[in-house]
mmCIF file of all heavy atoms, coordinates in Angstrom:
data_MODEL
# 
_entry.id   MODEL 
# 
loop_
_atom_site.group_PDB 
_atom_site.id 
_atom_site.type_symbol 
_atom_site.label_atom_id 
_atom_site.label_alt_id 
_atom_site.label_comp_id 
_atom_site.label_asym_id 
_atom_site.label_entity_id 
_atom_site.label_seq_id 
_atom_site.pdbx_PDB_ins_code 
_atom_site.Cartn_x 
_atom_site.Cartn_y 
_atom_site.Cartn_z 
_atom_site.occupancy 
_atom_site.B_iso_or_equiv 
_atom_site.pdbx_formal_charge 
_atom_site.auth_seq_id 
_atom_site.auth_comp_id 
_atom_site.auth_asym_id 
_atom_site.auth_atom_id 
_atom_site.pdbx_PDB_model_num 
ATOM 1   N N   . VAL A 1 1  ? 5.928   8.443   14.236  1.00 0.00 ? 1  VAL A N   1 
ATOM 2   C CA  . VAL A 1 1  ? 5.647   9.093   12.984  1.00 0.00 ? 1  VAL A CA  1 
ATOM 3   C C   . VAL A 1 1  ? 6.492   8.524   11.974  1.00 0.00 ? 1  VAL A C   1 
ATOM 4   O O   . VAL A 1 1  ? 5.946   8.355   10.818  1.00 0.00 ? 1  VAL A O   1 
ATOM 5   C CB  . VAL A 1 1  ? 5.903   10.683  13.146  1.00 0.00 ? 1  VAL A CB  1 
ATOM 6   C CG1 . VAL A 1 1  ? 5.967   11.376  11.838  1.00 0.00 ? 1  VAL A CG1 1 
ATOM 7   C CG2 . VAL A 1 1  ? 4.930   11.314  14.159  1.00 0.00 ? 1  VAL A CG2 1 
ATOM 8   N N   . ARG A 1 2  ? 7.692   8.166   12.242  1.00 0.00 ? 2  ARG A N   1 
ATOM 9   C CA  . ARG A 1 2  ? 8.554   7.591   11.270  1.00 0.00 ? 2  ARG A CA  1 
ATOM 10  C C   . ARG A 1 2  ? 8.012   6.330   10.734  1.00 0.00 ? 2  ARG A C   1 
ATOM 11  O O   . ARG A 1 2  ? 7.879   6.028   9.492   1.00 0.00 ? 2  ARG A O   1 
ATOM 12  C CB  . ARG A 1 2  ? 9.931   7.411   11.928  1.00 0.00 ? 2  ARG A CB  1 
ATOM 13  C CG  . ARG A 1 2  ? 11.087  7.110   10.858  1.00 0.00 ? 2  ARG A CG  1 
ATOM 14  C CD  . ARG A 1 2  ? 12.340  7.087   11.527  1.00 0.00 ? 2  ARG A CD  1 
ATOM 15  N NE  . ARG A 1 2  ? 12.636  8.267   12.070  1.00 0.00 ? 2  ARG A NE  1 
ATOM 16  C CZ  . ARG A 1 2  ? 13.187  8.411   13.334  1.00 0.00 ? 2  ARG A CZ  1 
ATOM 17  N NH1 . ARG A 1 2  ? 13.323  7.366   13.985  1.00 0.00 ? 2  ARG A NH1 1 
ATOM 18  N NH2 . ARG A 1 2  ? 13.354  9.741   13.785  1.00 0.00 ? 2  ARG A NH2 1 
ATOM 19  N N   . TRP A 1 3  ? 7.552   5.440   11.675  1.00 0.00 ? 3  TRP A N   1 
ATOM 20  C CA  . TRP A 1 3  ? 6.909   4.170   11.222  1.00 0.00 ? 3  TRP A CA  1 
ATOM 21  C C   . TRP A 1 3  ? 5.673   4.437   10.413  1.00 0.00 ? 3  TRP A C   1 
ATOM 22  O O   . TRP A 1 3  ? 5.341   3.663   9.461   1.00 0.00 ? 3  TRP A O   1 
ATOM 23  C CB  . TRP A 1 3  ? 6.609   3.241   12.396  1.00 0.00 ? 3  TRP A CB  1 
ATOM 24  C CG  . TRP A 1 3  ? 7.941   2.561   12.835  1.00 0.00 ? 3  TRP A CG  1 
ATOM 25  C CD1 . TRP A 1 3  ? 8.722   2.783   13.984  1.00 0.00 ? 3  TRP A CD1 1 
ATOM 26  C CD2 . TRP A 1 3  ? 8.517   1.466   12.176  1.00 0.00 ? 3  TRP A CD2 1 
ATOM 27  N NE1 . TRP A 1 3  ? 9.722   1.935   14.049  1.00 0.00 ? 3  TRP A NE1 1 
ATOM 28  C CE2 . TRP A 1 3  ? 9.654   1.125   12.923  1.00 0.00 ? 3  TRP A CE2 1 
ATOM 29  C CE3 . TRP A 1 3  ? 8.214   0.554   11.055  1.00 0.00 ? 3  TRP A CE3 1 
ATOM 30  C CZ2 . TRP A 1 3  ? 10.559  0.016   12.565  1.00 0.00 ? 3  TRP A CZ2 1 
ATOM 31  C CZ3 . TRP A 1 3  ? 9.090   -0.337  10.690  1.00 0.00 ? 3  TRP A CZ3 1 
ATOM 32  C CH2 . TRP A 1 3  ? 10.198  -0.735  11.380  1.00 0.00 ? 3  TRP A CH2 1 
ATOM 33  N N   . ALA A 1 4  ? 4.836   5.341   10.855  1.00 0.00 ? 4  ALA A N   1 
ATOM 34  C CA  . ALA A 1 4  ? 3.545   5.563   10.253  1.00 0.00 ? 4  ALA A CA  1 
ATOM 35  C C   . ALA A 1 4  ? 3.747   6.105   8.672   1.00 0.00 ? 4  ALA A C   1 
ATOM 36  O O   . ALA A 1 4  ? 3.004   5.708   7.702   1.00 0.00 ? 4  ALA A O   1 
ATOM 37  C CB  . ALA A 1 4  ? 2.762   6.664   10.953  1.00 0.00 ? 4  ALA A CB  1 
ATOM 38  N N   . ILE A 1 5  ? 4.850   6.872   8.554   1.00 0.00 ? 5  ILE A N   1 
ATOM 39  C CA  . ILE A 1 5  ? 5.138   7.400   7.159   1.00 0.00 ? 5  ILE A CA  1 
ATOM 40  C C   . ILE A 1 5  ? 5.479   6.210   6.208   1.00 0.00 ? 5  ILE A C   1 
ATOM 41  O O   . ILE A 1 5  ? 5.137   6.150   5.130   1.00 0.00 ? 5  ILE A O   1 
ATOM 42  C CB  . ILE A 1 5  ? 6.365   8.488   7.327   1.00 0.00 ? 5  ILE A CB  1 
ATOM 43  C CG1 . ILE A 1 5  ? 5.706   9.655   7.977   1.00 0.00 ? 5  ILE A CG1 1 
ATOM 44  C CG2 . ILE A 1 5  ? 6.754   8.781   5.858   1.00 0.00 ? 5  ILE A CG2 1 
ATOM 45  C CD1 . ILE A 1 5  ? 6.773   10.696  8.265   1.00 0.00 ? 5  ILE A CD1 1 
ATOM 46  N N   . ILE A 1 6  ? 6.356   5.379   6.785   1.00 0.00 ? 6  ILE A N   1 
ATOM 47  C CA  . ILE A 1 6  ? 6.844   4.167   5.999   1.00 0.00 ? 6  ILE A CA  1 
ATOM 48  C C   . ILE A 1 6  ? 5.676   3.279   5.630   1.00 0.00 ? 6  ILE A C   1 
ATOM 49  O O   . ILE A 1 6  ? 5.428   2.730   4.504   1.00 0.00 ? 6  ILE A O   1 
ATOM 50  C CB  . ILE A 1 6  ? 7.923   3.427   6.782   1.00 0.00 ? 6  ILE A CB  1 
ATOM 51  C CG1 . ILE A 1 6  ? 9.123   4.273   6.922   1.00 0.00 ? 6  ILE A CG1 1 
ATOM 52  C CG2 . ILE A 1 6  ? 8.260   2.110   6.026   1.00 0.00 ? 6  ILE A CG2 1 
ATOM 53  C CD1 . ILE A 1 6  ? 10.188  3.718   7.741   1.00 0.00 ? 6  ILE A CD1 1 
ATOM 54  N N   . VAL A 1 7  ? 4.762   2.971   6.590   1.00 0.00 ? 7  VAL A N   1 
ATOM 55  C CA  . VAL A 1 7  ? 3.569   2.137   6.390   1.00 0.00 ? 7  VAL A CA  1 
ATOM 56  C C   . VAL A 1 7  ? 2.727   2.772   5.310   1.00 0.00 ? 7  VAL A C   1 
ATOM 57  O O   . VAL A 1 7  ? 2.189   2.065   4.520   1.00 0.00 ? 7  VAL A O   1 
ATOM 58  C CB  . VAL A 1 7  ? 2.779   1.852   7.727   1.00 0.00 ? 7  VAL A CB  1 
ATOM 59  C CG1 . VAL A 1 7  ? 1.579   1.210   7.413   1.00 0.00 ? 7  VAL A CG1 1 
ATOM 60  C CG2 . VAL A 1 7  ? 3.717   1.058   8.603   1.00 0.00 ? 7  VAL A CG2 1 
ATOM 61  N N   . ILE A 1 8  ? 2.437   4.034   5.441   1.00 0.00 ? 8  ILE A N   1 
ATOM 62  C CA  . ILE A 1 8  ? 1.539   4.656   4.400   1.00 0.00 ? 8  ILE A CA  1 
ATOM 63  C C   . ILE A 1 8  ? 2.158   4.691   3.067   1.00 0.00 ? 8  ILE A C   1 
ATOM 64  O O   . ILE A 1 8  ? 1.408   4.439   2.047   1.00 0.00 ? 8  ILE A O   1 
ATOM 65  C CB  . ILE A 1 8  ? 1.311   6.246   4.865   1.00 0.00 ? 8  ILE A CB  1 
ATOM 66  C CG1 . ILE A 1 8  ? 0.535   6.209   6.162   1.00 0.00 ? 8  ILE A CG1 1 
ATOM 67  C CG2 . ILE A 1 8  ? 0.606   7.063   3.828   1.00 0.00 ? 8  ILE A CG2 1 
ATOM 68  C CD1 . ILE A 1 8  ? 0.308   7.606   6.728   1.00 0.00 ? 8  ILE A CD1 1 
ATOM 69  N N   . ALA A 1 9  ? 3.466   4.914   2.944   1.00 0.00 ? 9  ALA A N   1 
ATOM 70  C CA  . ALA A 1 9  ? 4.096   4.872   1.689   1.00 0.00 ? 9  ALA A CA  1 
ATOM 71  C C   . ALA A 1 9  ? 4.003   3.443   1.033   1.00 0.00 ? 9  ALA A C   1 
ATOM 72  O O   . ALA A 1 9  ? 3.708   3.281   -0.169  1.00 0.00 ? 9  ALA A O   1 
ATOM 73  C CB  . ALA A 1 9  ? 5.580   5.184   1.871   1.00 0.00 ? 9  ALA A CB  1 
ATOM 74  N N   . VAL A 1 10 ? 4.134   2.376   1.856   1.00 0.00 ? 10 VAL A N   1 
ATOM 75  C CA  . VAL A 1 10 ? 4.006   1.059   1.348   1.00 0.00 ? 10 VAL A CA  1 
ATOM 76  C C   . VAL A 1 10 ? 2.586   0.722   0.932   1.00 0.00 ? 10 VAL A C   1 
ATOM 77  O O   . VAL A 1 10 ? 2.394   0.213   -0.232  1.00 0.00 ? 10 VAL A O   1 
ATOM 78  C CB  . VAL A 1 10 ? 4.447   -0.101  2.435   1.00 0.00 ? 10 VAL A CB  1 
ATOM 79  C CG1 . VAL A 1 10 ? 4.170   -1.379  1.956   1.00 0.00 ? 10 VAL A CG1 1 
ATOM 80  C CG2 . VAL A 1 10 ? 5.940   0.059   2.734   1.00 0.00 ? 10 VAL A CG2 1 
ATOM 81  N N   . ILE A 1 11 ? 1.597   1.062   1.686   1.00 0.00 ? 11 ILE A N   1 
ATOM 82  C CA  . ILE A 1 11 ? 0.229   0.859   1.269   1.00 0.00 ? 11 ILE A CA  1 
ATOM 83  C C   . ILE A 1 11 ? -0.168  1.739   0.023   1.00 0.00 ? 11 ILE A C   1 
ATOM 84  O O   . ILE A 1 11 ? -0.767  1.106   -0.852  1.00 0.00 ? 11 ILE A O   1 
ATOM 85  C CB  . ILE A 1 11 ? -0.625  1.341   2.447   1.00 0.00 ? 11 ILE A CB  1 
ATOM 86  C CG1 . ILE A 1 11 ? -0.481  0.500   3.669   1.00 0.00 ? 11 ILE A CG1 1 
ATOM 87  C CG2 . ILE A 1 11 ? -2.199  1.389   2.010   1.00 0.00 ? 11 ILE A CG2 1 
ATOM 88  C CD1 . ILE A 1 11 ? -1.250  0.811   4.908   1.00 0.00 ? 11 ILE A CD1 1 
ATOM 89  N N   . TRP A 1 12 ? 0.390   2.874   -0.163  1.00 0.00 ? 12 TRP A N   1 
ATOM 90  C CA  . TRP A 1 12 ? 0.047   3.677   -1.342  1.00 0.00 ? 12 TRP A CA  1 
ATOM 91  C C   . TRP A 1 12 ? 0.601   2.928   -2.549  1.00 0.00 ? 12 TRP A C   1 
ATOM 92  O O   . TRP A 1 12 ? -0.001  2.896   -3.639  1.00 0.00 ? 12 TRP A O   1 
ATOM 93  C CB  . TRP A 1 12 ? 0.726   5.096   -1.166  1.00 0.00 ? 12 TRP A CB  1 
ATOM 94  C CG  . TRP A 1 12 ? 0.504   5.876   -2.386  1.00 0.00 ? 12 TRP A CG  1 
ATOM 95  C CD1 . TRP A 1 12 ? -0.526  6.554   -2.816  1.00 0.00 ? 12 TRP A CD1 1 
ATOM 96  C CD2 . TRP A 1 12 ? 1.454   6.157   -3.388  1.00 0.00 ? 12 TRP A CD2 1 
ATOM 97  N NE1 . TRP A 1 12 ? -0.457  7.250   -3.897  1.00 0.00 ? 12 TRP A NE1 1 
ATOM 98  C CE2 . TRP A 1 12 ? 0.893   7.028   -4.340  1.00 0.00 ? 12 TRP A CE2 1 
ATOM 99  C CE3 . TRP A 1 12 ? 2.869   5.762   -3.632  1.00 0.00 ? 12 TRP A CE3 1 
ATOM 100 C CZ2 . TRP A 1 12 ? 1.578   7.431   -5.449  1.00 0.00 ? 12 TRP A CZ2 1 
ATOM 101 C CZ3 . TRP A 1 12 ? 3.465   6.289   -4.724  1.00 0.00 ? 12 TRP A CZ3 1 
ATOM 102 C CH2 . TRP A 1 12 ? 2.925   7.037   -5.690  1.00 0.00 ? 12 TRP A CH2 1 
ATOM 103 N N   . VAL A 1 13 ? 1.864   2.508   -2.466  1.00 0.00 ? 13 VAL A N   1 
ATOM 104 C CA  . VAL A 1 13 ? 2.335   1.771   -3.653  1.00 0.00 ? 13 VAL A CA  1 
ATOM 105 C C   . VAL A 1 13 ? 1.549   0.500   -3.957  1.00 0.00 ? 13 VAL A C   1 
ATOM 106 O O   . VAL A 1 13 ? 1.263   0.285   -5.181  1.00 0.00 ? 13 VAL A O   1 
ATOM 107 C CB  . VAL A 1 13 ? 3.902   1.379   -3.339  1.00 0.00 ? 13 VAL A CB  1 
ATOM 108 C CG1 . VAL A 1 13 ? 4.363   0.387   -4.423  1.00 0.00 ? 13 VAL A CG1 1 
ATOM 109 C CG2 . VAL A 1 13 ? 4.811   2.573   -3.237  1.00 0.00 ? 13 VAL A CG2 1 
ATOM 110 N N   . LEU A 1 14 ? 1.167   -0.251  -2.957  1.00 0.00 ? 14 LEU A N   1 
ATOM 111 C CA  . LEU A 1 14 ? 0.401   -1.445  -3.225  1.00 0.00 ? 14 LEU A CA  1 
ATOM 112 C C   . LEU A 1 14 ? -0.980  -1.285  -3.910  1.00 0.00 ? 14 LEU A C   1 
ATOM 113 O O   . LEU A 1 14 ? -1.496  -1.890  -4.687  1.00 0.00 ? 14 LEU A O   1 
ATOM 114 C CB  . LEU A 1 14 ? 0.129   -2.262  -1.854  1.00 0.00 ? 14 LEU A CB  1 
ATOM 115 C CG  . LEU A 1 14 ? 1.405   -2.823  -1.257  1.00 0.00 ? 14 LEU A CG  1 
ATOM 116 C CD1 . LEU A 1 14 ? 1.014   -3.585  0.152   1.00 0.00 ? 14 LEU A CD1 1 
ATOM 117 C CD2 . LEU A 1 14 ? 1.990   -3.958  -2.186  1.00 0.00 ? 14 LEU A CD2 1 
ATOM 118 N N   . VAL A 1 15 ? -1.569  -0.073  -3.395  1.00 0.00 ? 15 VAL A N   1 
ATOM 119 C CA  . VAL A 1 15 ? -2.924  0.291   -3.897  1.00 0.00 ? 15 VAL A CA  1 
ATOM 120 C C   . VAL A 1 15 ? -2.862  0.992   -5.366  1.00 0.00 ? 15 VAL A C   1 
ATOM 121 O O   . VAL A 1 15 ? -3.647  0.709   -6.199  1.00 0.00 ? 15 VAL A O   1 
ATOM 122 C CB  . VAL A 1 15 ? -3.653  1.117   -2.922  1.00 0.00 ? 15 VAL A CB  1 
ATOM 123 C CG1 . VAL A 1 15 ? -4.895  1.641   -3.541  1.00 0.00 ? 15 VAL A CG1 1 
ATOM 124 C CG2 . VAL A 1 15 ? -3.900  0.511   -1.659  1.00 0.00 ? 15 VAL A CG2 1 
ATOM 125 N N   . SER A 1 16 ? -1.830  1.706   -5.530  1.00 0.00 ? 16 SER A N   1 
ATOM 126 C CA  . SER A 1 16 ? -1.739  2.541   -6.791  1.00 0.00 ? 16 SER A CA  1 
ATOM 127 C C   . SER A 1 16 ? -1.176  1.675   -7.946  1.00 0.00 ? 16 SER A C   1 
ATOM 128 O O   . SER A 1 16 ? -1.659  1.961   -9.162  1.00 0.00 ? 16 SER A O   1 
ATOM 129 C CB  . SER A 1 16 ? -0.755  3.777   -6.553  1.00 0.00 ? 16 SER A CB  1 
ATOM 130 O OG  . SER A 1 16 ? -1.303  4.551   -5.531  1.00 0.00 ? 16 SER A OG  1 
ATOM 131 N N   . ALA A 1 17 ? -0.245  0.817   -7.686  1.00 0.00 ? 17 ALA A N   1 
ATOM 132 C CA  . ALA A 1 17 ? 0.335   0.023   -8.794  1.00 0.00 ? 17 ALA A CA  1 
ATOM 133 C C   . ALA A 1 17 ? -0.782  -0.998  -9.296  1.00 0.00 ? 17 ALA A C   1 
ATOM 134 O O   . ALA A 1 17 ? -1.246  -1.695  -8.631  1.00 0.00 ? 17 ALA A O   1 
ATOM 135 C CB  . ALA A 1 17 ? 1.576   -0.640  -8.309  1.00 0.00 ? 17 ALA A CB  1 
ATOM 136 N N   . GLU A 1 18 ? -0.798  -1.013  -10.709 1.00 0.00 ? 18 GLU A N   1 
ATOM 137 C CA  . GLU A 1 18 ? -1.795  -1.900  -11.225 1.00 0.00 ? 18 GLU A CA  1 
ATOM 138 C C   . GLU A 1 18 ? -1.425  -3.334  -10.915 1.00 0.00 ? 18 GLU A C   1 
ATOM 139 O O   . GLU A 1 18 ? -2.229  -4.260  -10.785 1.00 0.00 ? 18 GLU A O   1 
ATOM 140 C CB  . GLU A 1 18 ? -1.951  -1.820  -12.723 1.00 0.00 ? 18 GLU A CB  1 
ATOM 141 C CG  . GLU A 1 18 ? -3.016  -2.500  -13.423 1.00 0.00 ? 18 GLU A CG  1 
ATOM 142 C CD  . GLU A 1 18 ? -3.081  -2.211  -14.959 1.00 0.00 ? 18 GLU A CD  1 
ATOM 143 O OE1 . GLU A 1 18 ? -2.451  -1.300  -15.340 1.00 0.00 ? 18 GLU A OE1 1 
ATOM 144 O OE2 . GLU A 1 18 ? -3.859  -2.916  -15.635 1.00 0.00 ? 18 GLU A OE2 1 
ATOM 145 N N   . ALA A 1 19 ? -0.068  -3.642  -10.856 1.00 0.00 ? 19 ALA A N   1 
ATOM 146 C CA  . ALA A 1 19 ? 0.370   -5.019  -10.647 1.00 0.00 ? 19 ALA A CA  1 
ATOM 147 C C   . ALA A 1 19 ? 0.022   -5.530  -9.196  1.00 0.00 ? 19 ALA A C   1 
ATOM 148 O O   . ALA A 1 19 ? -0.104  -6.672  -9.087  1.00 0.00 ? 19 ALA A O   1 
ATOM 149 C CB  . ALA A 1 19 ? 1.860   -5.182  -10.778 1.00 0.00 ? 19 ALA A CB  1 
ATOM 150 N N   . THR A 1 20 ? -0.198  -4.585  -8.307  1.00 0.00 ? 20 THR A N   1 
ATOM 151 C CA  . THR A 1 20 ? -0.588  -5.077  -6.883  1.00 0.00 ? 20 THR A CA  1 
ATOM 152 C C   . THR A 1 20 ? -1.863  -4.508  -6.449  1.00 0.00 ? 20 THR A C   1 
ATOM 153 O O   . THR A 1 20 ? -2.180  -4.597  -5.246  1.00 0.00 ? 20 THR A O   1 
ATOM 154 C CB  . THR A 1 20 ? 0.537   -4.525  -5.971  1.00 0.00 ? 20 THR A CB  1 
ATOM 155 O OG1 . THR A 1 20 ? 0.625   -3.152  -6.122  1.00 0.00 ? 20 THR A OG1 1 
ATOM 156 C CG2 . THR A 1 20 ? 1.910   -5.161  -6.261  1.00 0.00 ? 20 THR A CG2 1 
ATOM 157 N N   . THR A 1 21 ? -2.630  -4.019  -7.370  1.00 0.00 ? 21 THR A N   1 
ATOM 158 C CA  . THR A 1 21 ? -4.066  -3.573  -6.959  1.00 0.00 ? 21 THR A CA  1 
ATOM 159 C C   . THR A 1 21 ? -4.853  -4.596  -6.377  1.00 0.00 ? 21 THR A C   1 
ATOM 160 O O   . THR A 1 21 ? -5.530  -4.321  -5.382  1.00 0.00 ? 21 THR A O   1 
ATOM 161 C CB  . THR A 1 21 ? -4.758  -2.904  -8.144  1.00 0.00 ? 21 THR A CB  1 
ATOM 162 O OG1 . THR A 1 21 ? -3.903  -1.800  -8.777  1.00 0.00 ? 21 THR A OG1 1 
ATOM 163 C CG2 . THR A 1 21 ? -6.096  -2.341  -7.788  1.00 0.00 ? 21 THR A CG2 1 
ATOM 164 N N   . ASN A 1 22 ? -4.903  -5.765  -7.046  1.00 0.00 ? 22 ASN A N   1 
ATOM 165 C CA  . ASN A 1 22 ? -5.731  -6.856  -6.446  1.00 0.00 ? 22 ASN A CA  1 
ATOM 166 C C   . ASN A 1 22 ? -5.286  -7.146  -5.123  1.00 0.00 ? 22 ASN A C   1 
ATOM 167 O O   . ASN A 1 22 ? -6.112  -7.473  -4.204  1.00 0.00 ? 22 ASN A O   1 
ATOM 168 C CB  . ASN A 1 22 ? -5.738  -7.972  -7.411  1.00 0.00 ? 22 ASN A CB  1 
ATOM 169 C CG  . ASN A 1 22 ? -6.452  -7.641  -8.715  1.00 0.00 ? 22 ASN A CG  1 
ATOM 170 O OD1 . ASN A 1 22 ? -7.267  -6.757  -8.801  1.00 0.00 ? 22 ASN A OD1 1 
ATOM 171 N ND2 . ASN A 1 22 ? -6.029  -8.285  -9.806  1.00 0.00 ? 22 ASN A ND2 1 
ATOM 172 N N   . PHE A 1 23 ? -4.018  -7.234  -5.027  1.00 0.00 ? 23 PHE A N   1 
ATOM 173 C CA  . PHE A 1 23 ? -3.409  -7.710  -3.689  1.00 0.00 ? 23 PHE A CA  1 
ATOM 174 C C   . PHE A 1 23 ? -3.820  -6.690  -2.660  1.00 0.00 ? 23 PHE A C   1 
ATOM 175 O O   . PHE A 1 23 ? -4.160  -6.988  -1.424  1.00 0.00 ? 23 PHE A O   1 
ATOM 176 C CB  . PHE A 1 23 ? -1.912  -7.848  -3.739  1.00 0.00 ? 23 PHE A CB  1 
ATOM 177 C CG  . PHE A 1 23 ? -1.306  -8.089  -2.381  1.00 0.00 ? 23 PHE A CG  1 
ATOM 178 C CD1 . PHE A 1 23 ? -1.270  -9.337  -1.819  1.00 0.00 ? 23 PHE A CD1 1 
ATOM 179 C CD2 . PHE A 1 23 ? -0.568  -7.146  -1.767  1.00 0.00 ? 23 PHE A CD2 1 
ATOM 180 C CE1 . PHE A 1 23 ? -0.730  -9.611  -0.563  1.00 0.00 ? 23 PHE A CE1 1 
ATOM 181 C CE2 . PHE A 1 23 ? 0.038   -7.352  -0.499  1.00 0.00 ? 23 PHE A CE2 1 
ATOM 182 C CZ  . PHE A 1 23 ? -0.070  -8.602  0.047   1.00 0.00 ? 23 PHE A CZ  1 
ATOM 183 N N   . GLY A 1 24 ? -3.698  -5.378  -3.002  1.00 0.00 ? 24 GLY A N   1 
ATOM 184 C CA  . GLY A 1 24 ? -4.110  -4.291  -2.051  1.00 0.00 ? 24 GLY A CA  1 
ATOM 185 C C   . GLY A 1 24 ? -5.483  -4.358  -1.635  1.00 0.00 ? 24 GLY A C   1 
ATOM 186 O O   . GLY A 1 24 ? -5.957  -4.146  -0.505  1.00 0.00 ? 24 GLY A O   1 
ATOM 187 N N   . LYS A 1 25 ? -6.391  -4.615  -2.681  1.00 0.00 ? 25 LYS A N   1 
ATOM 188 C CA  . LYS A 1 25 ? -7.858  -4.796  -2.294  1.00 0.00 ? 25 LYS A CA  1 
ATOM 189 C C   . LYS A 1 25 ? -8.183  -5.908  -1.374  1.00 0.00 ? 25 LYS A C   1 
ATOM 190 O O   . LYS A 1 25 ? -8.988  -5.810  -0.446  1.00 0.00 ? 25 LYS A O   1 
ATOM 191 C CB  . LYS A 1 25 ? -8.668  -4.966  -3.685  1.00 0.00 ? 25 LYS A CB  1 
ATOM 192 C CG  . LYS A 1 25 ? -8.622  -3.702  -4.509  1.00 0.00 ? 25 LYS A CG  1 
ATOM 193 C CD  . LYS A 1 25 ? -9.556  -3.964  -5.819  1.00 0.00 ? 25 LYS A CD  1 
ATOM 194 C CE  . LYS A 1 25 ? -9.621  -2.682  -6.705  1.00 0.00 ? 25 LYS A CE  1 
ATOM 195 N NZ  . LYS A 1 25 ? -10.403 -2.992  -7.938  1.00 0.00 ? 25 LYS A NZ  1 
ATOM 196 N N   . VAL A 1 26 ? -7.552  -7.039  -1.752  1.00 0.00 ? 26 VAL A N   1 
ATOM 197 C CA  . VAL A 1 26 ? -7.680  -8.247  -0.883  1.00 0.00 ? 26 VAL A CA  1 
ATOM 198 C C   . VAL A 1 26 ? -7.293  -7.880  0.532   1.00 0.00 ? 26 VAL A C   1 
ATOM 199 O O   . VAL A 1 26 ? -7.879  -8.347  1.544   1.00 0.00 ? 26 VAL A O   1 
ATOM 200 C CB  . VAL A 1 26 ? -6.968  -9.391  -1.424  1.00 0.00 ? 26 VAL A CB  1 
ATOM 201 C CG1 . VAL A 1 26 ? -6.984  -10.552 -0.483  1.00 0.00 ? 26 VAL A CG1 1 
ATOM 202 C CG2 . VAL A 1 26 ? -7.622  -9.840  -2.690  1.00 0.00 ? 26 VAL A CG2 1 
ATOM 203 N N   . LEU A 1 27 ? -6.071  -7.122  0.632   1.00 0.00 ? 27 LEU A N   1 
ATOM 204 C CA  . LEU A 1 27 ? -5.486  -6.827  1.980   1.00 0.00 ? 27 LEU A CA  1 
ATOM 205 C C   . LEU A 1 27 ? -6.529  -5.990  2.701   1.00 0.00 ? 27 LEU A C   1 
ATOM 206 O O   . LEU A 1 27 ? -6.694  -6.146  3.931   1.00 0.00 ? 27 LEU A O   1 
ATOM 207 C CB  . LEU A 1 27 ? -4.175  -6.081  1.696   1.00 0.00 ? 27 LEU A CB  1 
ATOM 208 C CG  . LEU A 1 27 ? -3.485  -5.523  2.916   1.00 0.00 ? 27 LEU A CG  1 
ATOM 209 C CD1 . LEU A 1 27 ? -2.995  -6.830  3.680   1.00 0.00 ? 27 LEU A CD1 1 
ATOM 210 C CD2 . LEU A 1 27 ? -2.290  -4.698  2.603   1.00 0.00 ? 27 LEU A CD2 1 
ATOM 211 N N   . PHE A 1 28 ? -7.160  -4.995  2.047   1.00 0.00 ? 28 PHE A N   1 
ATOM 212 C CA  . PHE A 1 28 ? -8.177  -4.130  2.816   1.00 0.00 ? 28 PHE A CA  1 
ATOM 213 C C   . PHE A 1 28 ? -9.466  -4.876  3.078   1.00 0.00 ? 28 PHE A C   1 
ATOM 214 O O   . PHE A 1 28 ? -10.098 -4.548  4.073   1.00 0.00 ? 28 PHE A O   1 
ATOM 215 C CB  . PHE A 1 28 ? -8.288  -2.827  2.041   1.00 0.00 ? 28 PHE A CB  1 
ATOM 216 C CG  . PHE A 1 28 ? -7.203  -1.872  2.248   1.00 0.00 ? 28 PHE A CG  1 
ATOM 217 C CD1 . PHE A 1 28 ? -6.204  -1.673  1.152   1.00 0.00 ? 28 PHE A CD1 1 
ATOM 218 C CD2 . PHE A 1 28 ? -6.899  -1.254  3.391   1.00 0.00 ? 28 PHE A CD2 1 
ATOM 219 C CE1 . PHE A 1 28 ? -5.221  -0.796  1.164   1.00 0.00 ? 28 PHE A CE1 1 
ATOM 220 C CE2 . PHE A 1 28 ? -5.821  -0.353  3.482   1.00 0.00 ? 28 PHE A CE2 1 
ATOM 221 C CZ  . PHE A 1 28 ? -4.945  -0.166  2.486   1.00 0.00 ? 28 PHE A CZ  1 
# 
């Protein structure tokens, strides 16, 4: 659960921030 929470938080930042949105889209 601890690792899952950290991973979800990182993904949320990558997808939500405009600076990393493209990177997040490419990632998914």
